[in-house]
């Protein structure tokens, strides 16, 4: 994901240690982007 900690004028990348869960019967179109969570889960629900 787009996650940075700005310190002393510099943008420091935050490691993203979470993940993505896509539930059953989901359809995702072309050229989409689903970020992983910095911590925890990014989720797309059933159907």
ModelCIF file with pLDDT and N, C-alpha, C, O atoms, coordinates in Angstrom:
data_MODEL
#
_entry.id   MODEL 
#
_entity.id                         1 
_entity.type                       polymer 
_entity.pdbx_number_of_molecules   1 
#
_entity_poly.entity_id                      1 
_entity_poly.type                           'polypeptide(L)' 
_entity_poly.nstd_linkage                   no 
_entity_poly.nstd_monomer                   no 
_entity_poly.pdbx_seq_one_letter_code       
;(UNK)(UNK)(UNK)(UNK)(UNK)(UNK)(UNK)(UNK)(UNK)(UNK)(UNK)(UNK)(UNK)(UNK)(UNK)(UNK)
(UNK)(UNK)(UNK)(UNK)(UNK)(UNK)(UNK)(UNK)(UNK)(UNK)(UNK)(UNK)(UNK)(UNK)(UNK)(UNK)
(UNK)(UNK)(UNK)(UNK)(UNK)(UNK)(UNK)(UNK)(UNK)(UNK)(UNK)(UNK)(UNK)(UNK)(UNK)
;
_entity_poly.pdbx_seq_one_letter_code_can   XXXXXXXXXXXXXXXXXXXXXXXXXXXXXXXXXXXXXXXXXXXXXXX 
_entity_poly.pdbx_strand_id                 A 
#
loop_
_entity_poly_seq.entity_id 
_entity_poly_seq.num 
_entity_poly_seq.mon_id 
_entity_poly_seq.hetero 
1 1  UNK n 
1 2  UNK n 
1 3  UNK n 
1 4  UNK n 
1 5  UNK n 
1 6  UNK n 
1 7  UNK n 
1 8  UNK n 
1 9  UNK n 
1 10 UNK n 
1 11 UNK n 
1 12 UNK n 
1 13 UNK n 
1 14 UNK n 
1 15 UNK n 
1 16 UNK n 
1 17 UNK n 
1 18 UNK n 
1 19 UNK n 
1 20 UNK n 
1 21 UNK n 
1 22 UNK n 
1 23 UNK n 
1 24 UNK n 
1 25 UNK n 
1 26 UNK n 
1 27 UNK n 
1 28 UNK n 
1 29 UNK n 
1 30 UNK n 
1 31 UNK n 
1 32 UNK n 
1 33 UNK n 
1 34 UNK n 
1 35 UNK n 
1 36 UNK n 
1 37 UNK n 
1 38 UNK n 
1 39 UNK n 
1 40 UNK n 
1 41 UNK n 
1 42 UNK n 
1 43 UNK n 
1 44 UNK n 
1 45 UNK n 
1 46 UNK n 
1 47 UNK n 
#
_struct_asym.id          A 
_struct_asym.entity_id   1 
#
loop_
_ma_qa_metric.id 
_ma_qa_metric.mode 
_ma_qa_metric.name 
_ma_qa_metric.software_group_id 
_ma_qa_metric.type 
1 global pLDDT . pLDDT 
2 local  pLDDT . pLDDT 
#
_ma_qa_metric_global.metric_id      1 
_ma_qa_metric_global.metric_value   96.68 
_ma_qa_metric_global.model_id       1 
_ma_qa_metric_global.ordinal_id     1 
#
loop_
_ma_qa_metric_local.label_asym_id 
_ma_qa_metric_local.label_comp_id 
_ma_qa_metric_local.label_seq_id 
_ma_qa_metric_local.metric_id 
_ma_qa_metric_local.metric_value 
_ma_qa_metric_local.model_id 
_ma_qa_metric_local.ordinal_id 
A UNK 1  2 94.00 1 1  
A UNK 2  2 94.00 1 2  
A UNK 3  2 93.00 1 3  
A UNK 4  2 95.00 1 4  
A UNK 5  2 95.00 1 5  
A UNK 6  2 96.00 1 6  
A UNK 7  2 96.00 1 7  
A UNK 8  2 96.00 1 8  
A UNK 9  2 95.00 1 9  
A UNK 10 2 97.00 1 10 
A UNK 11 2 97.00 1 11 
A UNK 12 2 97.00 1 12 
A UNK 13 2 95.00 1 13 
A UNK 14 2 94.00 1 14 
A UNK 15 2 94.00 1 15 
A UNK 16 2 96.00 1 16 
A UNK 17 2 96.00 1 17 
A UNK 18 2 97.00 1 18 
A UNK 19 2 97.00 1 19 
A UNK 20 2 98.00 1 20 
A UNK 21 2 98.00 1 21 
A UNK 22 2 98.00 1 22 
A UNK 23 2 98.00 1 23 
A UNK 24 2 98.00 1 24 
A UNK 25 2 98.00 1 25 
A UNK 26 2 98.00 1 26 
A UNK 27 2 98.00 1 27 
A UNK 28 2 98.00 1 28 
A UNK 29 2 98.00 1 29 
A UNK 30 2 98.00 1 30 
A UNK 31 2 98.00 1 31 
A UNK 32 2 98.00 1 32 
A UNK 33 2 98.00 1 33 
A UNK 34 2 98.00 1 34 
A UNK 35 2 98.00 1 35 
A UNK 36 2 97.00 1 36 
A UNK 37 2 97.00 1 37 
A UNK 38 2 95.00 1 38 
A UNK 39 2 94.00 1 39 
A UNK 40 2 95.00 1 40 
A UNK 41 2 97.00 1 41 
A UNK 42 2 98.00 1 42 
A UNK 43 2 98.00 1 43 
A UNK 44 2 98.00 1 44 
A UNK 45 2 97.00 1 45 
A UNK 46 2 98.00 1 46 
A UNK 47 2 98.00 1 47 
#
loop_
_atom_site.group_PDB 
_atom_site.id 
_atom_site.type_symbol 
_atom_site.label_atom_id 
_atom_site.label_alt_id 
_atom_site.label_comp_id 
_atom_site.label_asym_id 
_atom_site.label_entity_id 
_atom_site.label_seq_id 
_atom_site.pdbx_PDB_ins_code 
_atom_site.Cartn_x 
_atom_site.Cartn_y 
_atom_site.Cartn_z 
_atom_site.occupancy 
_atom_site.B_iso_or_equiv 
_atom_site.pdbx_formal_charge 
_atom_site.auth_seq_id 
_atom_site.auth_comp_id 
_atom_site.auth_asym_id 
_atom_site.auth_atom_id 
_atom_site.pdbx_PDB_model_num 
ATOM 1   N N  . UNK A 1 1  ? 0.812   -1.198  0.000   1.00 94.00 ? 1  UNK A N  1 
ATOM 2   C CA . UNK A 1 1  ? 0.000   0.000   0.000   1.00 94.00 ? 1  UNK A CA 1 
ATOM 3   C C  . UNK A 1 1  ? 0.853   1.260   0.000   1.00 94.00 ? 1  UNK A C  1 
ATOM 4   O O  . UNK A 1 1  ? 2.077   1.202   0.118   1.00 94.00 ? 1  UNK A O  1 
ATOM 5   N N  . UNK A 1 2  ? 0.185   2.393   -0.134  1.00 94.00 ? 2  UNK A N  1 
ATOM 6   C CA . UNK A 1 2  ? 0.866   3.683   -0.192  1.00 94.00 ? 2  UNK A CA 1 
ATOM 7   C C  . UNK A 1 2  ? 1.068   4.160   1.241   1.00 94.00 ? 2  UNK A C  1 
ATOM 8   O O  . UNK A 1 2  ? 0.303   4.978   1.749   1.00 94.00 ? 2  UNK A O  1 
ATOM 9   N N  . UNK A 1 3  ? 2.108   3.637   1.882   1.00 93.00 ? 3  UNK A N  1 
ATOM 10  C CA . UNK A 1 3  ? 2.340   3.949   3.291   1.00 93.00 ? 3  UNK A CA 1 
ATOM 11  C C  . UNK A 1 3  ? 3.759   4.395   3.549   1.00 93.00 ? 3  UNK A C  1 
ATOM 12  O O  . UNK A 1 3  ? 4.704   3.644   3.311   1.00 93.00 ? 3  UNK A O  1 
ATOM 13  N N  . UNK A 1 4  ? 3.917   5.636   4.045   1.00 95.00 ? 4  UNK A N  1 
ATOM 14  C CA . UNK A 1 4  ? 5.234   6.199   4.320   1.00 95.00 ? 4  UNK A CA 1 
ATOM 15  C C  . UNK A 1 4  ? 5.163   7.007   5.615   1.00 95.00 ? 4  UNK A C  1 
ATOM 16  O O  . UNK A 1 4  ? 4.149   7.638   5.915   1.00 95.00 ? 4  UNK A O  1 
ATOM 17  N N  . UNK A 1 5  ? 6.223   6.976   6.348   1.00 95.00 ? 5  UNK A N  1 
ATOM 18  C CA . UNK A 1 5  ? 6.367   7.831   7.526   1.00 95.00 ? 5  UNK A CA 1 
ATOM 19  C C  . UNK A 1 5  ? 7.337   8.945   7.167   1.00 95.00 ? 5  UNK A C  1 
ATOM 20  O O  . UNK A 1 5  ? 8.498   8.692   6.846   1.00 95.00 ? 5  UNK A O  1 
ATOM 21  N N  . UNK A 1 6  ? 6.851   10.184  7.223   1.00 96.00 ? 6  UNK A N  1 
ATOM 22  C CA . UNK A 1 6  ? 7.692   11.326  6.877   1.00 96.00 ? 6  UNK A CA 1 
ATOM 23  C C  . UNK A 1 6  ? 8.446   11.799  8.116   1.00 96.00 ? 6  UNK A C  1 
ATOM 24  O O  . UNK A 1 6  ? 7.838   12.187  9.114   1.00 96.00 ? 6  UNK A O  1 
ATOM 25  N N  . UNK A 1 7  ? 9.760   11.763  8.042   1.00 96.00 ? 7  UNK A N  1 
ATOM 26  C CA . UNK A 1 7  ? 10.602  12.131  9.181   1.00 96.00 ? 7  UNK A CA 1 
ATOM 27  C C  . UNK A 1 7  ? 11.735  13.010  8.688   1.00 96.00 ? 7  UNK A C  1 
ATOM 28  O O  . UNK A 1 7  ? 12.510  12.613  7.818   1.00 96.00 ? 7  UNK A O  1 
ATOM 29  N N  . UNK A 1 8  ? 11.828  14.226  9.256   1.00 96.00 ? 8  UNK A N  1 
ATOM 30  C CA . UNK A 1 8  ? 12.867  15.180  8.872   1.00 96.00 ? 8  UNK A CA 1 
ATOM 31  C C  . UNK A 1 8  ? 12.864  15.430  7.358   1.00 96.00 ? 8  UNK A C  1 
ATOM 32  O O  . UNK A 1 8  ? 13.913  15.544  6.724   1.00 96.00 ? 8  UNK A O  1 
ATOM 33  N N  . UNK A 1 9  ? 11.651  15.512  6.804   1.00 95.00 ? 9  UNK A N  1 
ATOM 34  C CA . UNK A 1 9  ? 11.517  15.847  5.386   1.00 95.00 ? 9  UNK A CA 1 
ATOM 35  C C  . UNK A 1 9  ? 11.731  14.689  4.436   1.00 95.00 ? 9  UNK A C  1 
ATOM 36  O O  . UNK A 1 9  ? 11.726  14.882  3.220   1.00 95.00 ? 9  UNK A O  1 
ATOM 37  N N  . UNK A 1 10 ? 11.919  13.491  4.960   1.00 97.00 ? 10 UNK A N  1 
ATOM 38  C CA . UNK A 1 10 ? 12.144  12.323  4.108   1.00 97.00 ? 10 UNK A CA 1 
ATOM 39  C C  . UNK A 1 10 ? 11.001  11.337  4.300   1.00 97.00 ? 10 UNK A C  1 
ATOM 40  O O  . UNK A 1 10 ? 10.579  11.089  5.429   1.00 97.00 ? 10 UNK A O  1 
ATOM 41  N N  . UNK A 1 11 ? 10.487  10.761  3.185   1.00 97.00 ? 11 UNK A N  1 
ATOM 42  C CA . UNK A 1 11 ? 9.408   9.781   3.229   1.00 97.00 ? 11 UNK A CA 1 
ATOM 43  C C  . UNK A 1 11 ? 10.012  8.382   3.366   1.00 97.00 ? 11 UNK A C  1 
ATOM 44  O O  . UNK A 1 11 ? 10.672  7.893   2.449   1.00 97.00 ? 11 UNK A O  1 
ATOM 45  N N  . UNK A 1 12 ? 9.788   7.749   4.500   1.00 97.00 ? 12 UNK A N  1 
ATOM 46  C CA . UNK A 1 12 ? 10.354  6.433   4.769   1.00 97.00 ? 12 UNK A CA 1 
ATOM 47  C C  . UNK A 1 12 ? 9.277   5.367   4.568   1.00 97.00 ? 12 UNK A C  1 
ATOM 48  O O  . UNK A 1 12 ? 8.203   5.439   5.166   1.00 97.00 ? 12 UNK A O  1 
ATOM 49  N N  . UNK A 1 13 ? 9.567   4.395   3.735   1.00 95.00 ? 13 UNK A N  1 
ATOM 50  C CA . UNK A 1 13 ? 8.612   3.348   3.429   1.00 95.00 ? 13 UNK A CA 1 
ATOM 51  C C  . UNK A 1 13 ? 8.293   2.520   4.670   1.00 95.00 ? 13 UNK A C  1 
ATOM 52  O O  . UNK A 1 13 ? 9.184   2.169   5.443   1.00 95.00 ? 13 UNK A O  1 
ATOM 53  N N  . UNK A 1 14 ? 6.988   2.210   4.850   1.00 94.00 ? 14 UNK A N  1 
ATOM 54  C CA . UNK A 1 14 ? 6.547   1.328   5.918   1.00 94.00 ? 14 UNK A CA 1 
ATOM 55  C C  . UNK A 1 14 ? 6.369   -0.068  5.337   1.00 94.00 ? 14 UNK A C  1 
ATOM 56  O O  . UNK A 1 14 ? 5.564   -0.242  4.422   1.00 94.00 ? 14 UNK A O  1 
ATOM 57  N N  . UNK A 1 15 ? 7.088   -1.067  5.834   1.00 94.00 ? 15 UNK A N  1 
ATOM 58  C CA . UNK A 1 15 ? 6.881   -2.433  5.340   1.00 94.00 ? 15 UNK A CA 1 
ATOM 59  C C  . UNK A 1 15 ? 5.431   -2.868  5.557   1.00 94.00 ? 15 UNK A C  1 
ATOM 60  O O  . UNK A 1 15 ? 4.861   -2.653  6.627   1.00 94.00 ? 15 UNK A O  1 
ATOM 61  N N  . UNK A 1 16 ? 4.854   -3.475  4.541   1.00 96.00 ? 16 UNK A N  1 
ATOM 62  C CA . UNK A 1 16 ? 3.476   -3.938  4.630   1.00 96.00 ? 16 UNK A CA 1 
ATOM 63  C C  . UNK A 1 16 ? 3.497   -5.435  4.920   1.00 96.00 ? 16 UNK A C  1 
ATOM 64  O O  . UNK A 1 16 ? 3.807   -6.245  4.046   1.00 96.00 ? 16 UNK A O  1 
ATOM 65  N N  . UNK A 1 17 ? 3.166   -5.785  6.144   1.00 96.00 ? 17 UNK A N  1 
ATOM 66  C CA . UNK A 1 17 ? 3.282   -7.171  6.589   1.00 96.00 ? 17 UNK A CA 1 
ATOM 67  C C  . UNK A 1 17 ? 1.924   -7.871  6.630   1.00 96.00 ? 17 UNK A C  1 
ATOM 68  O O  . UNK A 1 17 ? 1.836   -9.029  7.038   1.00 96.00 ? 17 UNK A O  1 
ATOM 69  N N  . UNK A 1 18 ? 0.866   -7.175  6.211   1.00 97.00 ? 18 UNK A N  1 
ATOM 70  C CA . UNK A 1 18 ? -0.450  -7.797  6.132   1.00 97.00 ? 18 UNK A CA 1 
ATOM 71  C C  . UNK A 1 18 ? -0.628  -8.549  4.821   1.00 97.00 ? 18 UNK A C  1 
ATOM 72  O O  . UNK A 1 18 ? 0.348   -8.901  4.158   1.00 97.00 ? 18 UNK A O  1 
ATOM 73  N N  . UNK A 1 19 ? -1.885  -8.793  4.453   1.00 97.00 ? 19 UNK A N  1 
ATOM 74  C CA . UNK A 1 19 ? -2.152  -9.509  3.206   1.00 97.00 ? 19 UNK A CA 1 
ATOM 75  C C  . UNK A 1 19 ? -3.533  -9.124  2.686   1.00 97.00 ? 19 UNK A C  1 
ATOM 76  O O  . UNK A 1 19 ? -4.193  -8.252  3.251   1.00 97.00 ? 19 UNK A O  1 
ATOM 77  N N  . UNK A 1 20 ? -3.966  -9.775  1.607   1.00 98.00 ? 20 UNK A N  1 
ATOM 78  C CA . UNK A 1 20 ? -5.281  -9.556  1.002   1.00 98.00 ? 20 UNK A CA 1 
ATOM 79  C C  . UNK A 1 20 ? -6.059  -10.855 1.046   1.00 98.00 ? 20 UNK A C  1 
ATOM 80  O O  . UNK A 1 20 ? -5.510  -11.925 0.785   1.00 98.00 ? 20 UNK A O  1 
ATOM 81  N N  . UNK A 1 21 ? -7.350  -10.761 1.380   1.00 98.00 ? 21 UNK A N  1 
ATOM 82  C CA . UNK A 1 21 ? -8.246  -11.905 1.301   1.00 98.00 ? 21 UNK A CA 1 
ATOM 83  C C  . UNK A 1 21 ? -9.419  -11.577 0.391   1.00 98.00 ? 21 UNK A C  1 
ATOM 84  O O  . UNK A 1 21 ? -10.144 -10.607 0.612   1.00 98.00 ? 21 UNK A O  1 
ATOM 85  N N  . UNK A 1 22 ? -9.591  -12.397 -0.627  1.00 98.00 ? 22 UNK A N  1 
ATOM 86  C CA . UNK A 1 22 ? -10.711 -12.272 -1.562  1.00 98.00 ? 22 UNK A CA 1 
ATOM 87  C C  . UNK A 1 22 ? -11.662 -13.428 -1.272  1.00 98.00 ? 22 UNK A C  1 
ATOM 88  O O  . UNK A 1 22 ? -11.272 -14.590 -1.390  1.00 98.00 ? 22 UNK A O  1 
ATOM 89  N N  . UNK A 1 23 ? -12.890 -13.130 -0.898  1.00 98.00 ? 23 UNK A N  1 
ATOM 90  C CA . UNK A 1 23 ? -13.825 -14.186 -0.526  1.00 98.00 ? 23 UNK A CA 1 
ATOM 91  C C  . UNK A 1 23 ? -14.450 -14.843 -1.760  1.00 98.00 ? 23 UNK A C  1 
ATOM 92  O O  . UNK A 1 23 ? -14.159 -14.450 -2.890  1.00 98.00 ? 23 UNK A O  1 
ATOM 93  N N  . UNK A 1 24 ? -15.297 -15.828 -1.545  1.00 98.00 ? 24 UNK A N  1 
ATOM 94  C CA . UNK A 1 24 ? -15.861 -16.621 -2.636  1.00 98.00 ? 24 UNK A CA 1 
ATOM 95  C C  . UNK A 1 24 ? -16.693 -15.784 -3.608  1.00 98.00 ? 24 UNK A C  1 
ATOM 96  O O  . UNK A 1 24 ? -17.291 -14.775 -3.234  1.00 98.00 ? 24 UNK A O  1 
ATOM 97  N N  . UNK A 1 25 ? -16.715 -16.231 -4.864  1.00 98.00 ? 25 UNK A N  1 
ATOM 98  C CA . UNK A 1 25 ? -17.617 -15.709 -5.897  1.00 98.00 ? 25 UNK A CA 1 
ATOM 99  C C  . UNK A 1 25 ? -17.398 -14.228 -6.212  1.00 98.00 ? 25 UNK A C  1 
ATOM 100 O O  . UNK A 1 25 ? -18.328 -13.521 -6.601  1.00 98.00 ? 25 UNK A O  1 
ATOM 101 N N  . UNK A 1 26 ? -16.176 -13.778 -6.041  1.00 98.00 ? 26 UNK A N  1 
ATOM 102 C CA . UNK A 1 26 ? -15.812 -12.404 -6.404  1.00 98.00 ? 26 UNK A CA 1 
ATOM 103 C C  . UNK A 1 26 ? -15.301 -12.392 -7.845  1.00 98.00 ? 26 UNK A C  1 
ATOM 104 O O  . UNK A 1 26 ? -14.611 -13.318 -8.271  1.00 98.00 ? 26 UNK A O  1 
ATOM 105 N N  . UNK A 1 27 ? -15.639 -11.348 -8.586  1.00 98.00 ? 27 UNK A N  1 
ATOM 106 C CA . UNK A 1 27 ? -15.058 -11.136 -9.924  1.00 98.00 ? 27 UNK A CA 1 
ATOM 107 C C  . UNK A 1 27 ? -14.406 -9.761  -9.943  1.00 98.00 ? 27 UNK A C  1 
ATOM 108 O O  . UNK A 1 27 ? -15.018 -8.765  -9.558  1.00 98.00 ? 27 UNK A O  1 
ATOM 109 N N  . UNK A 1 28 ? -13.162 -9.720  -10.395 1.00 98.00 ? 28 UNK A N  1 
ATOM 110 C CA . UNK A 1 28 ? -12.367 -8.490  -10.414 1.00 98.00 ? 28 UNK A CA 1 
ATOM 111 C C  . UNK A 1 28 ? -11.976 -8.212  -11.854 1.00 98.00 ? 28 UNK A C  1 
ATOM 112 O O  . UNK A 1 28 ? -11.463 -9.094  -12.542 1.00 98.00 ? 28 UNK A O  1 
ATOM 113 N N  . UNK A 1 29 ? -12.216 -6.990  -12.313 1.00 98.00 ? 29 UNK A N  1 
ATOM 114 C CA . UNK A 1 29 ? -11.964 -6.637  -13.706 1.00 98.00 ? 29 UNK A CA 1 
ATOM 115 C C  . UNK A 1 29 ? -10.486 -6.484  -14.024 1.00 98.00 ? 29 UNK A C  1 
ATOM 116 O O  . UNK A 1 29 ? -9.617  -6.824  -13.221 1.00 98.00 ? 29 UNK A O  1 
ATOM 117 N N  . UNK A 1 30 ? -10.227 -5.967  -15.213 1.00 98.00 ? 30 UNK A N  1 
ATOM 118 C CA . UNK A 1 30 ? -8.852  -5.810  -15.683 1.00 98.00 ? 30 UNK A CA 1 
ATOM 119 C C  . UNK A 1 30 ? -8.202  -4.567  -15.073 1.00 98.00 ? 30 UNK A C  1 
ATOM 120 O O  . UNK A 1 30 ? -8.864  -3.565  -14.801 1.00 98.00 ? 30 UNK A O  1 
ATOM 121 N N  . UNK A 1 31 ? -6.889  -4.664  -14.867 1.00 98.00 ? 31 UNK A N  1 
ATOM 122 C CA . UNK A 1 31 ? -6.080  -3.517  -14.434 1.00 98.00 ? 31 UNK A CA 1 
ATOM 123 C C  . UNK A 1 31 ? -6.541  -2.922  -13.113 1.00 98.00 ? 31 UNK A C  1 
ATOM 124 O O  . UNK A 1 31 ? -6.532  -1.704  -12.934 1.00 98.00 ? 31 UNK A O  1 
ATOM 125 N N  . UNK A 1 32 ? -6.938  -3.773  -12.206 1.00 98.00 ? 32 UNK A N  1 
ATOM 126 C CA . UNK A 1 32 ? -7.271  -3.333  -10.853 1.00 98.00 ? 32 UNK A CA 1 
ATOM 127 C C  . UNK A 1 32 ? -6.055  -3.514  -9.948  1.00 98.00 ? 32 UNK A C  1 
ATOM 128 O O  . UNK A 1 32 ? -5.138  -4.272  -10.266 1.00 98.00 ? 32 UNK A O  1 
ATOM 129 N N  . UNK A 1 33 ? -6.058  -2.810  -8.818  1.00 98.00 ? 33 UNK A N  1 
ATOM 130 C CA . UNK A 1 33 ? -4.961  -2.918  -7.859  1.00 98.00 ? 33 UNK A CA 1 
ATOM 131 C C  . UNK A 1 33 ? -5.555  -2.958  -6.458  1.00 98.00 ? 33 UNK A C  1 
ATOM 132 O O  . UNK A 1 33 ? -6.265  -2.041  -6.047  1.00 98.00 ? 33 UNK A O  1 
ATOM 133 N N  . UNK A 1 34 ? -5.259  -4.027  -5.731  1.00 98.00 ? 34 UNK A N  1 
ATOM 134 C CA . UNK A 1 34 ? -5.766  -4.199  -4.372  1.00 98.00 ? 34 UNK A CA 1 
ATOM 135 C C  . UNK A 1 34 ? -4.560  -4.298  -3.439  1.00 98.00 ? 34 UNK A C  1 
ATOM 136 O O  . UNK A 1 34 ? -3.842  -5.298  -3.434  1.00 98.00 ? 34 UNK A O  1 
ATOM 137 N N  . UNK A 1 35 ? -4.349  -3.243  -2.650  1.00 98.00 ? 35 UNK A N  1 
ATOM 138 C CA . UNK A 1 35 ? -3.174  -3.172  -1.781  1.00 98.00 ? 35 UNK A CA 1 
ATOM 139 C C  . UNK A 1 35 ? -3.265  -4.162  -0.631  1.00 98.00 ? 35 UNK A C  1 
ATOM 140 O O  . UNK A 1 35 ? -4.346  -4.397  -0.091  1.00 98.00 ? 35 UNK A O  1 
ATOM 141 N N  . UNK A 1 36 ? -2.131  -4.739  -0.256  1.00 97.00 ? 36 UNK A N  1 
ATOM 142 C CA . UNK A 1 36 ? -2.075  -5.516  0.975   1.00 97.00 ? 36 UNK A CA 1 
ATOM 143 C C  . UNK A 1 36 ? -2.082  -4.546  2.149   1.00 97.00 ? 36 UNK A C  1 
ATOM 144 O O  . UNK A 1 36 ? -1.660  -3.397  2.018   1.00 97.00 ? 36 UNK A O  1 
ATOM 145 N N  . UNK A 1 37 ? -2.560  -5.010  3.284   1.00 97.00 ? 37 UNK A N  1 
ATOM 146 C CA . UNK A 1 37 ? -2.608  -4.172  4.480   1.00 97.00 ? 37 UNK A CA 1 
ATOM 147 C C  . UNK A 1 37 ? -1.214  -3.985  5.053   1.00 97.00 ? 37 UNK A C  1 
ATOM 148 O O  . UNK A 1 37 ? -0.360  -4.864  4.940   1.00 97.00 ? 37 UNK A O  1 
ATOM 149 N N  . UNK A 1 38 ? -0.992  -2.827  5.670   1.00 95.00 ? 38 UNK A N  1 
ATOM 150 C CA . UNK A 1 38 ? 0.264   -2.630  6.389   1.00 95.00 ? 38 UNK A CA 1 
ATOM 151 C C  . UNK A 1 38 ? 0.354   -3.635  7.524   1.00 95.00 ? 38 UNK A C  1 
ATOM 152 O O  . UNK A 1 38 ? 1.391   -4.268  7.724   1.00 95.00 ? 38 UNK A O  1 
ATOM 153 N N  . UNK A 1 39 ? -0.728  -3.778  8.261   1.00 94.00 ? 39 UNK A N  1 
ATOM 154 C CA . UNK A 1 39 ? -0.892  -4.856  9.238   1.00 94.00 ? 39 UNK A CA 1 
ATOM 155 C C  . UNK A 1 39 ? -2.335  -5.337  9.101   1.00 94.00 ? 39 UNK A C  1 
ATOM 156 O O  . UNK A 1 39 ? -3.220  -4.544  8.779   1.00 94.00 ? 39 UNK A O  1 
ATOM 157 N N  . UNK A 1 40 ? -2.577  -6.600  9.337   1.00 95.00 ? 40 UNK A N  1 
ATOM 158 C CA . UNK A 1 40 ? -3.928  -7.116  9.223   1.00 95.00 ? 40 UNK A CA 1 
ATOM 159 C C  . UNK A 1 40 ? -4.283  -7.488  7.796   1.00 95.00 ? 40 UNK A C  1 
ATOM 160 O O  . UNK A 1 40 ? -3.461  -8.049  7.072   1.00 95.00 ? 40 UNK A O  1 
ATOM 161 N N  . UNK A 1 41 ? -5.523  -7.171  7.385   1.00 97.00 ? 41 UNK A N  1 
ATOM 162 C CA . UNK A 1 41 ? -6.066  -7.705  6.145   1.00 97.00 ? 41 UNK A CA 1 
ATOM 163 C C  . UNK A 1 41 ? -6.767  -6.617  5.337   1.00 97.00 ? 41 UNK A C  1 
ATOM 164 O O  . UNK A 1 41 ? -7.497  -5.796  5.893   1.00 97.00 ? 41 UNK A O  1 
ATOM 165 N N  . UNK A 1 42 ? -6.545  -6.616  4.034   1.00 98.00 ? 42 UNK A N  1 
ATOM 166 C CA . UNK A 1 42 ? -7.418  -5.935  3.088   1.00 98.00 ? 42 UNK A CA 1 
ATOM 167 C C  . UNK A 1 42 ? -8.388  -6.991  2.573   1.00 98.00 ? 42 UNK A C  1 
ATOM 168 O O  . UNK A 1 42 ? -7.957  -8.058  2.137   1.00 98.00 ? 42 UNK A O  1 
ATOM 169 N N  . UNK A 1 43 ? -9.694  -6.713  2.615   1.00 98.00 ? 43 UNK A N  1 
ATOM 170 C CA . UNK A 1 43 ? -10.675 -7.756  2.339   1.00 98.00 ? 43 UNK A CA 1 
ATOM 171 C C  . UNK A 1 43 ? -11.674 -7.315  1.266   1.00 98.00 ? 43 UNK A C  1 
ATOM 172 O O  . UNK A 1 43 ? -12.112 -6.165  1.236   1.00 98.00 ? 43 UNK A O  1 
ATOM 173 N N  . UNK A 1 44 ? -12.021 -8.257  0.387   1.00 98.00 ? 44 UNK A N  1 
ATOM 174 C CA . UNK A 1 44 ? -13.109 -8.063  -0.573  1.00 98.00 ? 44 UNK A CA 1 
ATOM 175 C C  . UNK A 1 44 ? -14.141 -9.152  -0.298  1.00 98.00 ? 44 UNK A C  1 
ATOM 176 O O  . UNK A 1 44 ? -13.830 -10.341 -0.367  1.00 98.00 ? 44 UNK A O  1 
ATOM 177 N N  . UNK A 1 45 ? -15.370 -8.743  0.015   1.00 97.00 ? 45 UNK A N  1 
ATOM 178 C CA . UNK A 1 45 ? -16.368 -9.658  0.538   1.00 97.00 ? 45 UNK A CA 1 
ATOM 179 C C  . UNK A 1 45 ? -17.045 -10.530 -0.502  1.00 97.00 ? 45 UNK A C  1 
ATOM 180 O O  . UNK A 1 45 ? -16.947 -10.297 -1.707  1.00 97.00 ? 45 UNK A O  1 
ATOM 181 N N  . UNK A 1 46 ? -17.718 -11.519 -0.010  1.00 98.00 ? 46 UNK A N  1 
ATOM 182 C CA . UNK A 1 46 ? -18.432 -12.520 -0.791  1.00 98.00 ? 46 UNK A CA 1 
ATOM 183 C C  . UNK A 1 46 ? -19.269 -11.902 -1.906  1.00 98.00 ? 46 UNK A C  1 
ATOM 184 O O  . UNK A 1 46 ? -20.076 -11.006 -1.663  1.00 98.00 ? 46 UNK A O  1 
ATOM 185 N N  . UNK A 1 47 ? -19.073 -12.384 -3.121  1.00 98.00 ? 47 UNK A N  1 
ATOM 186 C CA . UNK A 1 47 ? -19.946 -12.021 -4.231  1.00 98.00 ? 47 UNK A CA 1 
ATOM 187 C C  . UNK A 1 47 ? -19.775 -10.626 -4.786  1.00 98.00 ? 47 UNK A C  1 
ATOM 188 O O  . UNK A 1 47 ? -20.476 -10.245 -5.724  1.00 98.00 ? 47 UNK A O  1 
#
